[in-house]
Protein backbone atom coordinates (compact mmCIF):
# COMPACT_ATOMS: atom_id res chain seq x y z
CA MET A 1 60.28 29.91 62.47
CA THR A 2 58.07 28.79 65.35
CA THR A 3 58.56 30.10 68.88
CA ASP A 4 56.90 28.55 71.93
CA ILE A 5 54.97 30.64 74.43
CA ARG A 6 55.62 29.06 77.82
CA VAL A 7 54.39 29.86 81.28
CA PRO A 8 57.49 31.63 82.65
CA GLU A 9 59.39 29.73 85.34
CA ASP A 10 59.59 32.90 87.47
CA LEU A 11 56.00 34.10 87.05
CA TRP A 12 55.06 33.15 90.63
CA GLU A 13 56.74 31.62 93.65
CA GLY A 14 56.49 27.95 94.58
CA ASP A 15 55.42 24.93 92.58
CA THR A 16 51.72 25.76 92.51
CA GLU A 17 49.90 25.16 89.23
CA GLY A 18 47.89 27.87 87.50
CA VAL A 19 44.82 27.97 85.27
CA ILE A 20 44.50 29.71 81.91
CA THR A 21 41.56 32.02 82.59
CA ALA A 22 41.43 33.84 79.26
CA TRP A 23 42.91 34.01 75.80
CA LEU A 24 43.03 37.66 74.79
CA VAL A 25 43.72 36.81 71.14
CA ASP A 26 41.97 34.26 68.92
CA ASP A 27 43.72 31.16 67.61
CA GLY A 28 45.31 31.98 64.24
CA ALA A 29 45.35 35.75 64.84
CA GLU A 30 48.37 37.93 64.14
CA VAL A 31 50.16 39.24 67.25
CA ALA A 32 52.97 41.73 67.76
CA GLN A 33 55.90 41.17 70.08
CA GLY A 34 54.85 42.26 73.58
CA ASP A 35 51.10 41.93 72.96
CA LEU A 36 49.18 40.40 75.88
CA VAL A 37 47.87 37.05 74.67
CA ALA A 38 46.69 35.17 77.78
CA GLU A 39 45.89 35.43 81.47
CA VAL A 40 46.84 32.79 84.03
CA MET A 41 45.44 32.72 87.57
CA VAL A 42 47.37 31.28 90.51
CA GLU A 43 45.88 31.35 94.00
CA LYS A 44 43.64 34.35 93.26
CA ALA A 45 46.45 36.30 91.55
CA GLN A 46 46.15 37.07 87.82
CA TYR A 47 49.27 37.02 85.60
CA GLU A 48 49.57 38.15 81.98
CA ILE A 49 51.47 36.32 79.25
CA GLU A 50 52.99 38.29 76.36
CA ALA A 51 53.90 37.26 72.83
CA PRO A 52 57.70 36.83 72.62
CA ILE A 53 57.78 37.65 68.88
CA SER A 54 55.44 38.90 66.16
CA GLY A 55 53.55 36.38 64.02
CA ARG A 56 50.53 34.07 63.91
CA LEU A 57 49.33 32.66 67.26
CA GLY A 58 48.58 28.96 67.62
CA ILE A 59 46.84 28.10 70.90
CA ALA A 60 48.00 24.78 72.39
CA LYS A 61 46.10 24.79 75.71
CA PRO A 62 42.44 25.86 76.06
CA GLU A 63 40.92 28.20 78.64
CA ASP A 64 40.41 26.55 82.05
CA GLU A 65 43.41 24.23 81.43
CA VAL A 66 45.61 23.65 84.48
CA VAL A 67 49.23 24.52 83.67
CA ALA A 68 52.56 24.34 85.46
CA LYS A 69 55.54 26.64 85.09
CA GLY A 70 57.36 25.93 81.83
CA THR A 71 54.28 24.52 80.07
CA VAL A 72 53.95 25.42 76.38
CA ILE A 73 50.55 27.08 76.05
CA ALA A 74 50.86 28.40 72.49
CA THR A 75 53.21 28.98 69.58
CA VAL A 76 53.92 31.95 67.34
CA ASP A 77 54.87 31.37 63.70
CA ALA A 78 56.96 34.27 62.45
């Protein structure tokens, strides 16, 4: 089963786009539910993205990619 990791719709206010500043886990690595996997910066504020389930991470968007709320940035294969 594959689960998308999306930029949460309620992570910040407004329709401003963010930038993936860091992947904290390598592509293909095993992650546990709740692990921090990425950081997104919006207007000088840093937000952390967690793995929704345990499994193998597949990165869909690279560092420095501009992303909007709801964008799929990675997947986790359980």
